[in-house]
N, C-alpha and C. Protein backbone atom coordinates (compact mmCIF):
# COMPACT_ATOMS: atom_id res chain seq x y z
N UNK A 1 -127.56 29.66 -63.06
CA UNK A 1 -126.63 28.98 -62.63
C UNK A 1 -125.43 29.10 -61.96
N UNK A 2 -125.12 28.81 -60.67
CA UNK A 2 -123.91 29.36 -59.97
C UNK A 2 -122.54 29.26 -60.66
N UNK A 3 -121.84 29.50 -60.41
CA UNK A 3 -120.57 29.70 -61.55
C UNK A 3 -119.87 28.24 -61.22
N UNK A 4 -119.85 28.19 -59.76
CA UNK A 4 -119.13 26.66 -59.45
C UNK A 4 -119.60 25.51 -60.13
N UNK A 5 -120.93 25.10 -60.70
CA UNK A 5 -121.72 24.51 -61.67
C UNK A 5 -121.70 24.75 -63.25
N UNK A 6 -120.91 25.74 -63.15
CA UNK A 6 -120.53 25.98 -65.07
C UNK A 6 -118.96 25.53 -65.35
N UNK A 7 -118.57 25.23 -66.56
CA UNK A 7 -117.78 25.17 -66.65
C UNK A 7 -117.52 24.63 -68.56
N UNK A 8 -116.38 25.61 -68.95
CA UNK A 8 -116.40 25.61 -70.99
C UNK A 8 -114.91 24.24 -70.41
N UNK A 9 -115.36 23.58 -71.31
CA UNK A 9 -114.01 22.42 -71.50
C UNK A 9 -114.30 21.75 -73.20
N UNK A 10 -112.99 21.38 -73.55
CA UNK A 10 -112.81 21.20 -74.78
C UNK A 10 -111.67 20.02 -74.77
N UNK A 11 -112.22 18.74 -75.25
CA UNK A 11 -111.61 17.96 -75.67
C UNK A 11 -110.11 17.67 -76.38
N UNK A 12 -110.42 18.75 -77.32
CA UNK A 12 -109.31 18.54 -78.01
C UNK A 12 -108.41 20.01 -78.42
N UNK A 13 -107.47 20.02 -78.66
CA UNK A 13 -106.67 21.80 -79.04
C UNK A 13 -107.65 22.61 -80.02
N UNK A 14 -108.12 21.52 -81.33
CA UNK A 14 -108.45 21.79 -82.54
C UNK A 14 -109.89 22.63 -82.11
N UNK A 15 -110.63 21.83 -80.92
CA UNK A 15 -111.87 22.31 -80.79
C UNK A 15 -111.81 23.18 -80.21
N UNK A 16 -110.43 23.49 -78.86
CA UNK A 16 -110.94 24.63 -78.26
C UNK A 16 -110.21 26.01 -79.23
N UNK A 17 -109.56 25.72 -80.36
CA UNK A 17 -109.20 26.77 -81.12
C UNK A 17 -110.30 27.57 -81.54
N UNK A 18 -111.68 26.31 -82.12
CA UNK A 18 -112.80 26.72 -82.73
C UNK A 18 -113.46 27.53 -81.60
N UNK A 19 -113.54 27.42 -80.75
CA UNK A 19 -114.53 28.04 -79.48
C UNK A 19 -113.52 29.04 -79.09
N UNK A 20 -112.68 29.57 -79.37
CA UNK A 20 -112.00 30.31 -78.31
C UNK A 20 -112.52 31.66 -77.71
N UNK A 21 -113.29 32.30 -78.37
CA UNK A 21 -114.08 33.43 -77.54
C UNK A 21 -114.72 32.86 -76.47
N UNK A 22 -115.42 31.55 -76.83
CA UNK A 22 -116.14 30.84 -75.65
C UNK A 22 -114.84 30.61 -74.69
N UNK A 23 -113.68 30.65 -74.74
CA UNK A 23 -112.75 30.21 -73.59
C UNK A 23 -113.04 31.54 -72.85
N UNK A 24 -112.41 32.50 -73.68
CA UNK A 24 -111.85 33.67 -73.19
C UNK A 24 -113.10 34.34 -72.45
N UNK A 25 -113.85 34.06 -72.66
CA UNK A 25 -115.14 35.08 -72.07
C UNK A 25 -115.22 34.07 -70.84
N UNK A 26 -115.91 32.82 -70.55
CA UNK A 26 -115.85 32.28 -69.89
C UNK A 26 -114.56 32.39 -68.55
N UNK A 27 -113.31 32.53 -68.83
CA UNK A 27 -112.52 32.51 -68.16
C UNK A 27 -112.38 34.30 -67.63
N UNK A 28 -113.01 34.91 -68.06
CA UNK A 28 -113.37 36.46 -67.54
C UNK A 28 -114.71 36.69 -66.89
N UNK A 29 -115.05 35.69 -67.10
CA UNK A 29 -116.35 35.71 -66.02
C UNK A 29 -116.13 35.02 -64.78
N UNK A 30 -114.82 34.22 -64.68
CA UNK A 30 -114.73 33.60 -63.44
C UNK A 30 -114.89 32.06 -63.59
N UNK A 31 -115.22 31.29 -64.82
CA UNK A 31 -115.96 30.01 -65.07
C UNK A 31 -114.93 29.28 -65.33
N UNK A 32 -114.87 28.30 -64.89
CA UNK A 32 -113.49 27.35 -65.00
C UNK A 32 -113.79 27.20 -66.72
N UNK A 33 -112.46 26.90 -67.22
CA UNK A 33 -112.38 27.05 -68.52
C UNK A 33 -110.90 26.24 -68.86
N UNK A 34 -111.11 24.98 -69.64
CA UNK A 34 -110.09 24.13 -69.60
C UNK A 34 -109.97 23.86 -71.19
N UNK A 35 -109.18 23.07 -71.67
CA UNK A 35 -108.86 22.08 -72.91
C UNK A 35 -107.61 20.89 -72.38
N UNK A 36 -108.36 19.84 -73.46
CA UNK A 36 -106.71 18.98 -73.35
C UNK A 36 -105.75 18.92 -74.07
N UNK A 37 -105.13 18.37 -74.56
CA UNK A 37 -104.10 17.70 -75.61
C UNK A 37 -103.73 16.35 -74.93
N UNK A 38 -104.11 15.43 -75.70
CA UNK A 38 -104.23 14.16 -75.11
C UNK A 38 -104.36 13.84 -73.89
N UNK A 39 -102.89 13.40 -73.15
CA UNK A 39 -103.16 13.58 -71.49
C UNK A 39 -103.36 14.90 -70.55
N UNK A 40 -102.76 15.45 -71.09
CA UNK A 40 -102.71 17.22 -70.59
C UNK A 40 -103.54 17.66 -70.49
N UNK A 41 -104.01 18.51 -69.67
CA UNK A 41 -105.30 19.47 -69.01
C UNK A 41 -104.63 20.90 -69.07
N UNK A 42 -105.07 21.72 -69.96
CA UNK A 42 -104.30 23.23 -69.59
C UNK A 42 -106.19 23.75 -69.30
N UNK A 43 -105.35 25.10 -68.27
CA UNK A 43 -106.46 25.94 -67.67
C UNK A 43 -106.90 27.30 -68.34
N UNK A 44 -107.68 28.12 -68.87
CA UNK A 44 -107.64 29.38 -69.24
C UNK A 44 -107.95 30.19 -67.99
N UNK A 45 -107.45 30.91 -67.62
CA UNK A 45 -107.48 31.97 -66.73
C UNK A 45 -107.81 33.21 -66.65
N UNK A 46 -108.41 34.53 -66.16
CA UNK A 46 -108.61 35.60 -66.26
C UNK A 46 -107.21 36.25 -65.73
N UNK A 47 -105.95 36.68 -66.36
CA UNK A 47 -105.04 37.06 -66.02
C UNK A 47 -104.96 38.53 -64.92
N UNK A 48 -106.22 39.01 -64.70
CA UNK A 48 -105.95 40.03 -63.51
C UNK A 48 -106.93 39.06 -62.54
N UNK A 49 -107.40 38.42 -62.29
CA UNK A 49 -108.23 37.24 -61.58
C UNK A 49 -106.95 36.77 -60.83
N UNK A 50 -106.00 35.91 -61.54
CA UNK A 50 -105.10 35.42 -61.10
C UNK A 50 -103.56 35.99 -60.25
N UNK A 51 -103.59 37.17 -60.84
CA UNK A 51 -102.92 38.38 -60.35
C UNK A 51 -102.94 38.98 -58.88
N UNK A 52 -104.25 38.82 -59.30
CA UNK A 52 -104.57 39.28 -57.56
C UNK A 52 -104.77 38.14 -56.48
N UNK A 53 -105.51 36.96 -57.41
CA UNK A 53 -104.75 35.51 -56.11
C UNK A 53 -103.67 35.57 -55.81
N UNK A 54 -103.03 35.48 -56.51
CA UNK A 54 -101.26 35.45 -56.05
C UNK A 54 -100.84 36.25 -55.24
N UNK A 55 -101.26 37.53 -55.04
CA UNK A 55 -100.58 38.45 -54.71
C UNK A 55 -100.96 38.43 -53.32
N UNK A 56 -102.09 37.86 -53.00
CA UNK A 56 -102.75 37.73 -52.10
C UNK A 56 -102.21 36.38 -50.87
N UNK A 57 -101.03 35.97 -51.19
CA UNK A 57 -100.52 34.39 -51.00
C UNK A 57 -99.03 35.49 -50.39
N UNK A 58 -98.90 35.75 -49.37
CA UNK A 58 -97.56 36.08 -48.99
C UNK A 58 -96.66 35.49 -49.19
N UNK A 59 -96.51 34.08 -48.93
CA UNK A 59 -95.58 32.77 -48.77
C UNK A 59 -95.16 32.81 -50.56
N UNK A 60 -95.71 32.90 -51.37
CA UNK A 60 -95.31 32.74 -52.72
C UNK A 60 -94.74 34.02 -53.63
N UNK A 61 -94.75 35.22 -52.46
CA UNK A 61 -94.34 36.41 -53.42
C UNK A 61 -94.03 36.29 -54.90
N UNK A 62 -95.24 36.38 -55.78
CA UNK A 62 -95.14 36.58 -57.43
C UNK A 62 -95.16 37.81 -57.49
N UNK A 63 -93.82 37.60 -58.82
CA UNK A 63 -93.47 39.21 -59.18
C UNK A 63 -93.91 39.54 -60.65
N UNK A 64 -94.71 40.45 -60.55
CA UNK A 64 -95.22 40.77 -61.75
C UNK A 64 -94.15 41.39 -62.86
N UNK A 65 -93.94 41.40 -63.71
CA UNK A 65 -92.99 42.36 -64.49
C UNK A 65 -93.92 42.57 -66.18
N UNK A 66 -93.55 43.40 -66.32
CA UNK A 66 -94.08 44.28 -67.75
C UNK A 66 -93.84 43.70 -68.72
N UNK A 67 -94.14 42.93 -69.73
CA UNK A 67 -93.13 42.78 -70.96
C UNK A 67 -94.22 42.56 -72.11
N UNK A 68 -93.83 42.65 -73.24
CA UNK A 68 -94.15 42.45 -74.72
C UNK A 68 -95.66 42.45 -74.42
N UNK A 69 -96.02 43.89 -73.87
CA UNK A 69 -97.44 44.61 -74.17
C UNK A 69 -98.21 44.07 -73.23
N UNK A 70 -97.78 43.22 -72.55
CA UNK A 70 -98.68 42.39 -71.45
C UNK A 70 -97.83 41.96 -69.79
N UNK A 71 -98.29 40.97 -69.23
CA UNK A 71 -97.90 41.32 -67.87
C UNK A 71 -97.82 39.70 -67.85
N UNK A 72 -96.20 39.33 -66.81
CA UNK A 72 -95.85 37.71 -66.81
C UNK A 72 -95.70 37.75 -65.37
N UNK A 73 -95.70 36.75 -64.54
CA UNK A 73 -95.96 36.47 -62.86
C UNK A 73 -94.80 35.48 -62.91
N UNK A 74 -94.07 35.62 -62.30
CA UNK A 74 -92.79 34.46 -61.84
C UNK A 74 -92.93 34.24 -60.41
N UNK A 75 -93.07 32.84 -60.12
CA UNK A 75 -92.89 32.79 -58.22
C UNK A 75 -91.38 32.31 -58.80
N UNK A 76 -90.80 33.12 -57.45
CA UNK A 76 -89.50 32.56 -57.23
C UNK A 76 -89.38 31.71 -56.55
N UNK A 77 -88.21 30.45 -56.72
CA UNK A 77 -88.08 29.56 -56.22
C UNK A 77 -88.75 27.86 -57.08
N UNK A 78 -89.20 27.94 -58.02
CA UNK A 78 -90.37 26.90 -58.67
C UNK A 78 -89.62 26.84 -59.92
């Protein structure tokens, strides 16, 4: 099944927490992964893919900063 047709979604944070490995695996494979908390929906994405995608958008000029054993991306002006 093509990635665009697959997705991983959980309607509650409790459900997402119980399936955290599945969420992380989906994100690392490039499969859409999300969870909902009341009316808010959050996406789980592979950080390397996100960084690479943002780096191709020169108008955003994301700044990557190493911190706490990981990376944070900042977009100036937002």
